[in-house]
Amino acid sequence: MNRRHALIAALLVAANALGAAGHAGARELVETPDPRLQPGTIVIRTGERKLYFVTGRGEAIRYTIAVGKAGKQWRGTKYVEELAVEPAWSPPASVKRDKPSLPDFIPGGSPRNPMGARVIGLGPGGQYAIHGTNMPGSIGTAASYGCFRMHNQDVIDLYARVRMGAAVVVLP
């Protein structure tokens, strides 16, 4: 490999490293929020605006997220019932009421699609999801209608780890 190709390769490696960890609130390995949790469990602490993916051995990966706006937050346990890459989106009735100018359908992969790169659908009921976003500035805030937004590179990472049926525990 000549010097020019070596320099380009080094720059690509550095850019990929920054893309994975260069955003505010980058994911990090921390202690499990509760040592009794099974590996694969997701814990969301709404007040912290953090999502924990339990990896085992007393460890979890912690991500910064956006949570529901005042009056749109919820707590309880749901389960992963859908996994989708670049999902299409149709705004729910509550969103359409507040934002009637939204189209009825936005195709997956569109820069206007608020679901981002991946969706991890929660059930039963399918009303809520963990998903990426086309508004990265909203991460760390209370911004959604009850879903949990993540940086696209973080939701891609979580999507690769999570399994269908995994428990998602949402705490205040």
C-alpha atoms as a PDB file:
ATOM      1  CA  MET A   1       0.000   0.000   0.000  1.00  0.00           C
ATOM      2  CA  ASN A   2       1.448   3.410  -0.932  1.00  0.00           C
ATOM      3  CA  ARG A   3       1.597   6.382   1.485  1.00  0.00           C
ATOM      4  CA  ARG A   4      -1.520   8.038   0.065  1.00  0.00           C
ATOM      5  CA  HIS A   5      -3.625   4.877   0.515  1.00  0.00           C
ATOM      6  CA  ALA A   6      -2.224   4.378   4.026  1.00  0.00           C
ATOM      7  CA  LEU A   7      -3.180   7.963   4.957  1.00  0.00           C
ATOM      8  CA  ILE A   8      -6.700   7.534   3.555  1.00  0.00           C
ATOM      9  CA  ALA A   9      -7.109   4.256   5.456  1.00  0.00           C
ATOM     10  CA  ALA A  10      -5.937   5.909   8.704  1.00  0.00           C
ATOM     11  CA  LEU A  11      -8.380   8.793   8.193  1.00  0.00           C
ATOM     12  CA  LEU A  12     -11.263   6.370   7.594  1.00  0.00           C
ATOM     13  CA  VAL A  13     -10.439   4.472  10.797  1.00  0.00           C
ATOM     14  CA  ALA A  14     -10.356   7.746  12.756  1.00  0.00           C
ATOM     15  CA  ALA A  15     -13.647   8.929  11.212  1.00  0.00           C
ATOM     16  CA  ASN A  16     -15.348   5.647  12.101  1.00  0.00           C
ATOM     17  CA  ALA A  17     -14.093   5.892  15.685  1.00  0.00           C
ATOM     18  CA  LEU A  18     -15.418   9.446  15.970  1.00  0.00           C
ATOM     19  CA  GLY A  19     -18.757   8.432  14.452  1.00  0.00           C
ATOM     20  CA  ALA A  20     -19.168   5.714  17.071  1.00  0.00           C
ATOM     21  CA  ALA A  21     -18.133   7.740  20.086  1.00  0.00           C
ATOM     22  CA  GLY A  22     -17.745  11.376  19.070  1.00  0.00           C
ATOM     23  CA  HIS A  23     -21.280  12.535  19.839  1.00  0.00           C
ATOM     24  CA  ALA A  24     -22.299  14.032  23.158  1.00  0.00           C
ATOM     25  CA  GLY A  25     -23.276  11.381  25.681  1.00  0.00           C
ATOM     26  CA  ALA A  26     -21.505   8.561  23.839  1.00  0.00           C
ATOM     27  CA  ARG A  27     -22.307   5.053  25.044  1.00  0.00           C
ATOM     28  CA  GLU A  28     -20.193   3.692  27.846  1.00  0.00           C
ATOM     29  CA  LEU A  29     -19.734   0.515  29.865  1.00  0.00           C
ATOM     30  CA  VAL A  30     -21.058   0.932  33.424  1.00  0.00           C
ATOM     31  CA  GLU A  31     -22.267  -1.165  36.358  1.00  0.00           C
ATOM     32  CA  THR A  32     -25.654  -2.821  35.874  1.00  0.00           C
ATOM     33  CA  PRO A  33     -28.436  -0.698  37.400  1.00  0.00           C
ATOM     34  CA  ASP A  34     -29.652  -3.831  39.242  1.00  0.00           C
ATOM     35  CA  PRO A  35     -27.382  -6.904  39.568  1.00  0.00           C
ATOM     36  CA  ARG A  36     -30.416  -9.223  39.489  1.00  0.00           C
ATOM     37  CA  LEU A  37     -31.265  -8.299  35.878  1.00  0.00           C
ATOM     38  CA  GLN A  38     -30.789 -10.912  33.178  1.00  0.00           C
ATOM     39  CA  PRO A  39     -28.366 -10.211  30.316  1.00  0.00           C
ATOM     40  CA  GLY A  40     -30.269  -8.778  27.364  1.00  0.00           C
ATOM     41  CA  THR A  41     -32.652  -6.744  29.536  1.00  0.00           C
ATOM     42  CA  ILE A  42     -33.076  -3.063  28.697  1.00  0.00           C
ATOM     43  CA  VAL A  43     -33.638  -0.593  31.546  1.00  0.00           C
ATOM     44  CA  ILE A  44     -34.705   2.969  30.808  1.00  0.00           C
ATOM     45  CA  ARG A  45     -34.405   5.593  33.532  1.00  0.00           C
ATOM     46  CA  THR A  46     -36.572   8.404  32.240  1.00  0.00           C
ATOM     47  CA  GLY A  47     -35.370  10.961  34.811  1.00  0.00           C
ATOM     48  CA  GLU A  48     -31.744  10.297  33.863  1.00  0.00           C
ATOM     49  CA  ARG A  49     -32.551  10.167  30.137  1.00  0.00           C
ATOM     50  CA  LYS A  50     -30.452   7.021  29.948  1.00  0.00           C
ATOM     51  CA  LEU A  51     -30.978   3.541  28.523  1.00  0.00           C
ATOM     52  CA  TYR A  52     -29.037   0.572  29.931  1.00  0.00           C
ATOM     53  CA  PHE A  53     -28.508  -2.665  28.015  1.00  0.00           C
ATOM     54  CA  VAL A  54     -27.499  -5.383  30.495  1.00  0.00           C
ATOM     55  CA  THR A  55     -24.579  -7.365  29.097  1.00  0.00           C
ATOM     56  CA  GLY A  56     -23.946  -9.631  32.107  1.00  0.00           C
ATOM     57  CA  ARG A  57     -21.209  -9.932  34.714  1.00  0.00           C
ATOM     58  CA  GLY A  58     -22.628  -6.872  36.509  1.00  0.00           C
ATOM     59  CA  GLU A  59     -22.119  -4.654  33.452  1.00  0.00           C
ATOM     60  CA  ALA A  60     -24.361  -2.679  31.136  1.00  0.00           C
ATOM     61  CA  ILE A  61     -23.910  -0.401  28.170  1.00  0.00           C
ATOM     62  CA  ARG A  62     -25.375   3.029  28.935  1.00  0.00           C
ATOM     63  CA  TYR A  63     -26.720   5.260  26.174  1.00  0.00           C
ATOM     64  CA  THR A  64     -28.077   8.815  26.362  1.00  0.00           C
ATOM     65  CA  ILE A  65     -31.611   9.035  24.954  1.00  0.00           C
ATOM     66  CA  ALA A  66     -34.535  11.401  24.440  1.00  0.00           C
ATOM     67  CA  VAL A  67     -37.675  10.560  26.400  1.00  0.00           C
ATOM     68  CA  GLY A  68     -41.340  11.550  26.291  1.00  0.00           C
ATOM     69  CA  LYS A  69     -42.417  15.143  26.816  1.00  0.00           C
ATOM     70  CA  ALA A  70     -44.283  16.109  29.973  1.00  0.00           C
ATOM     71  CA  GLY A  71     -47.567  14.207  29.966  1.00  0.00           C
ATOM     72  CA  LYS A  72     -46.269  11.666  27.421  1.00  0.00           C
ATOM     73  CA  GLN A  73     -43.932   9.683  29.682  1.00  0.00           C
ATOM     74  CA  TRP A  74     -44.873   6.247  30.968  1.00  0.00           C
ATOM     75  CA  ARG A  75     -43.408   3.503  33.102  1.00  0.00           C
ATOM     76  CA  GLY A  76     -43.739  -0.242  33.246  1.00  0.00           C
ATOM     77  CA  THR A  77     -42.454  -3.310  31.458  1.00  0.00           C
ATOM     78  CA  LYS A  78     -42.804  -4.039  27.767  1.00  0.00           C
ATOM     79  CA  TYR A  79     -41.096  -6.545  25.496  1.00  0.00           C
ATOM     80  CA  VAL A  80     -39.274  -6.267  22.185  1.00  0.00           C
ATOM     81  CA  GLU A  81     -41.805  -7.342  19.563  1.00  0.00           C
ATOM     82  CA  GLU A  82     -40.417  -5.751  16.388  1.00  0.00           C
ATOM     83  CA  LEU A  83     -36.990  -5.154  14.879  1.00  0.00           C
ATOM     84  CA  ALA A  84     -36.760  -3.137  11.659  1.00  0.00           C
ATOM     85  CA  VAL A  85     -34.038  -1.524   9.553  1.00  0.00           C
ATOM     86  CA  GLU A  86     -34.812   1.960   8.152  1.00  0.00           C
ATOM     87  CA  PRO A  87     -38.518   1.654   8.960  1.00  0.00           C
ATOM     88  CA  ALA A  88     -41.227   3.609   7.185  1.00  0.00           C
ATOM     89  CA  TRP A  89     -43.350   5.822   9.456  1.00  0.00           C
ATOM     90  CA  SER A  90     -46.976   6.883   9.580  1.00  0.00           C
ATOM     91  CA  PRO A  91     -47.629   9.453  12.293  1.00  0.00           C
ATOM     92  CA  PRO A  92     -50.083   8.303  14.977  1.00  0.00           C
ATOM     93  CA  ALA A  93     -53.334  10.276  15.367  1.00  0.00           C
ATOM     94  CA  SER A  94     -52.006  12.165  18.421  1.00  0.00           C
ATOM     95  CA  VAL A  95     -49.008  13.411  16.435  1.00  0.00           C
ATOM     96  CA  LYS A  96     -51.141  14.307  13.398  1.00  0.00           C
ATOM     97  CA  ARG A  97     -53.469  16.357  15.635  1.00  0.00           C
ATOM     98  CA  ASP A  98     -50.525  18.426  16.863  1.00  0.00           C
ATOM     99  CA  LYS A  99     -48.770  18.582  13.490  1.00  0.00           C
ATOM    100  CA  PRO A 100     -51.424  18.335  10.745  1.00  0.00           C
ATOM    101  CA  SER A 101     -48.932  19.319   8.025  1.00  0.00           C
ATOM    102  CA  LEU A 102     -47.092  15.999   8.410  1.00  0.00           C
ATOM    103  CA  PRO A 103     -47.581  13.586   5.519  1.00  0.00           C
ATOM    104  CA  ASP A 104     -49.572  10.421   6.214  1.00  0.00           C
ATOM    105  CA  PHE A 105     -46.553   8.269   5.296  1.00  0.00           C
ATOM    106  CA  ILE A 106     -42.780   8.809   5.212  1.00  0.00           C
ATOM    107  CA  PRO A 107     -40.736   6.051   3.566  1.00  0.00           C
ATOM    108  CA  GLY A 108     -37.853   4.382   5.359  1.00  0.00           C
ATOM    109  CA  GLY A 109     -34.467   5.913   4.668  1.00  0.00           C
ATOM    110  CA  SER A 110     -35.938   9.347   3.984  1.00  0.00           C
ATOM    111  CA  PRO A 111     -34.075  12.176   5.746  1.00  0.00           C
ATOM    112  CA  ARG A 112     -37.533  13.405   6.882  1.00  0.00           C
ATOM    113  CA  ASN A 113     -38.299  10.093   8.607  1.00  0.00           C
ATOM    114  CA  PRO A 114     -38.151  10.615  12.385  1.00  0.00           C
ATOM    115  CA  MET A 115     -37.592   6.892  13.083  1.00  0.00           C
ATOM    116  CA  GLY A 116     -33.968   7.006  11.967  1.00  0.00           C
ATOM    117  CA  ALA A 117     -31.810   4.009  11.131  1.00  0.00           C
ATOM    118  CA  ARG A 118     -33.501   1.301  13.248  1.00  0.00           C
ATOM    119  CA  VAL A 119     -36.619   0.651  15.295  1.00  0.00           C
ATOM    120  CA  ILE A 120     -37.012  -1.648  18.266  1.00  0.00           C
ATOM    121  CA  GLY A 121     -40.787  -1.919  18.681  1.00  0.00           C
ATOM    122  CA  LEU A 122     -42.215  -2.473  22.152  1.00  0.00           C
ATOM    123  CA  GLY A 123     -45.328  -4.409  23.020  1.00  0.00           C
ATOM    124  CA  PRO A 124     -47.829  -5.483  23.700  1.00  0.00           C
ATOM    125  CA  GLY A 125     -49.668  -2.782  21.864  1.00  0.00           C
ATOM    126  CA  GLY A 126     -46.974  -1.497  19.539  1.00  0.00           C
ATOM    127  CA  GLN A 127     -47.592   2.129  20.535  1.00  0.00           C
ATOM    128  CA  TYR A 128     -44.013   2.794  21.666  1.00  0.00           C
ATOM    129  CA  ALA A 129     -40.534   2.106  20.335  1.00  0.00           C
ATOM    130  CA  ILE A 130     -36.858   2.702  20.821  1.00  0.00           C
ATOM    131  CA  HIS A 131     -35.607   4.231  17.582  1.00  0.00           C
ATOM    132  CA  GLY A 132     -33.037   6.428  15.920  1.00  0.00           C
ATOM    133  CA  THR A 133     -33.743  10.009  14.992  1.00  0.00           C
ATOM    134  CA  ASN A 134     -33.277  12.603  12.290  1.00  0.00           C
ATOM    135  CA  MET A 135     -33.085  15.210  15.102  1.00  0.00           C
ATOM    136  CA  PRO A 136     -29.893  14.334  17.022  1.00  0.00           C
ATOM    137  CA  GLY A 137     -30.105  17.600  18.982  1.00  0.00           C
ATOM    138  CA  SER A 138     -33.138  16.177  20.811  1.00  0.00           C
ATOM    139  CA  ILE A 139     -31.062  13.444  22.490  1.00  0.00           C
ATOM    140  CA  GLY A 140     -30.828  14.100  26.219  1.00  0.00           C
ATOM    141  CA  THR A 141     -34.130  15.994  26.288  1.00  0.00           C
ATOM    142  CA  ALA A 142     -37.831  15.295  26.830  1.00  0.00           C
ATOM    143  CA  ALA A 143     -38.992  15.553  23.225  1.00  0.00           C
ATOM    144  CA  SER A 144     -41.118  12.610  22.069  1.00  0.00           C
ATOM    145  CA  TYR A 145     -44.684  11.337  22.321  1.00  0.00           C
ATOM    146  CA  GLY A 146     -43.532   8.458  24.534  1.00  0.00           C
ATOM    147  CA  CYS A 147     -40.933   6.754  22.367  1.00  0.00           C
ATOM    148  CA  PHE A 148     -37.234   6.681  23.188  1.00  0.00           C
ATOM    149  CA  ARG A 149     -34.907   8.314  20.655  1.00  0.00           C
ATOM    150  CA  MET A 150     -31.254   7.452  20.254  1.00  0.00           C
ATOM    151  CA  HIS A 151     -28.407   8.699  18.077  1.00  0.00           C
ATOM    152  CA  ASN A 152     -28.539   6.611  14.903  1.00  0.00           C
ATOM    153  CA  GLN A 153     -25.117   5.038  15.559  1.00  0.00           C
ATOM    154  CA  ASP A 154     -26.293   4.077  19.069  1.00  0.00           C
ATOM    155  CA  VAL A 155     -29.566   2.516  17.928  1.00  0.00           C
ATOM    156  CA  ILE A 156     -27.630   0.546  15.294  1.00  0.00           C
ATOM    157  CA  ASP A 157     -25.343  -0.735  18.074  1.00  0.00           C
ATOM    158  CA  LEU A 158     -28.275  -1.604  20.377  1.00  0.00           C
ATOM    159  CA  TYR A 159     -30.233  -3.212  17.521  1.00  0.00           C
ATOM    160  CA  ALA A 160     -27.322  -5.610  16.904  1.00  0.00           C
ATOM    161  CA  ARG A 161     -27.387  -6.676  20.574  1.00  0.00           C
ATOM    162  CA  VAL A 162     -31.092  -6.903  21.437  1.00  0.00           C
ATOM    163  CA  ARG A 163     -33.243  -9.993  20.863  1.00  0.00           C
ATOM    164  CA  MET A 164     -36.960 -10.469  20.219  1.00  0.00           C
ATOM    165  CA  GLY A 165     -38.851 -10.886  23.456  1.00  0.00           C
ATOM    166  CA  ALA A 166     -36.276  -9.052  25.591  1.00  0.00           C
ATOM    167  CA  ALA A 167     -37.727  -7.201  28.585  1.00  0.00           C
ATOM    168  CA  VAL A 168     -37.709  -3.389  28.528  1.00  0.00           C
ATOM    169  CA  VAL A 169     -38.197  -1.923  32.006  1.00  0.00           C
ATOM    170  CA  VAL A 170     -39.090   1.783  32.070  1.00  0.00           C
ATOM    171  CA  LEU A 171     -38.533   3.540  35.402  1.00  0.00           C
ATOM    172  CA  PRO A 172     -39.136   7.156  36.442  1.00  0.00           C
END
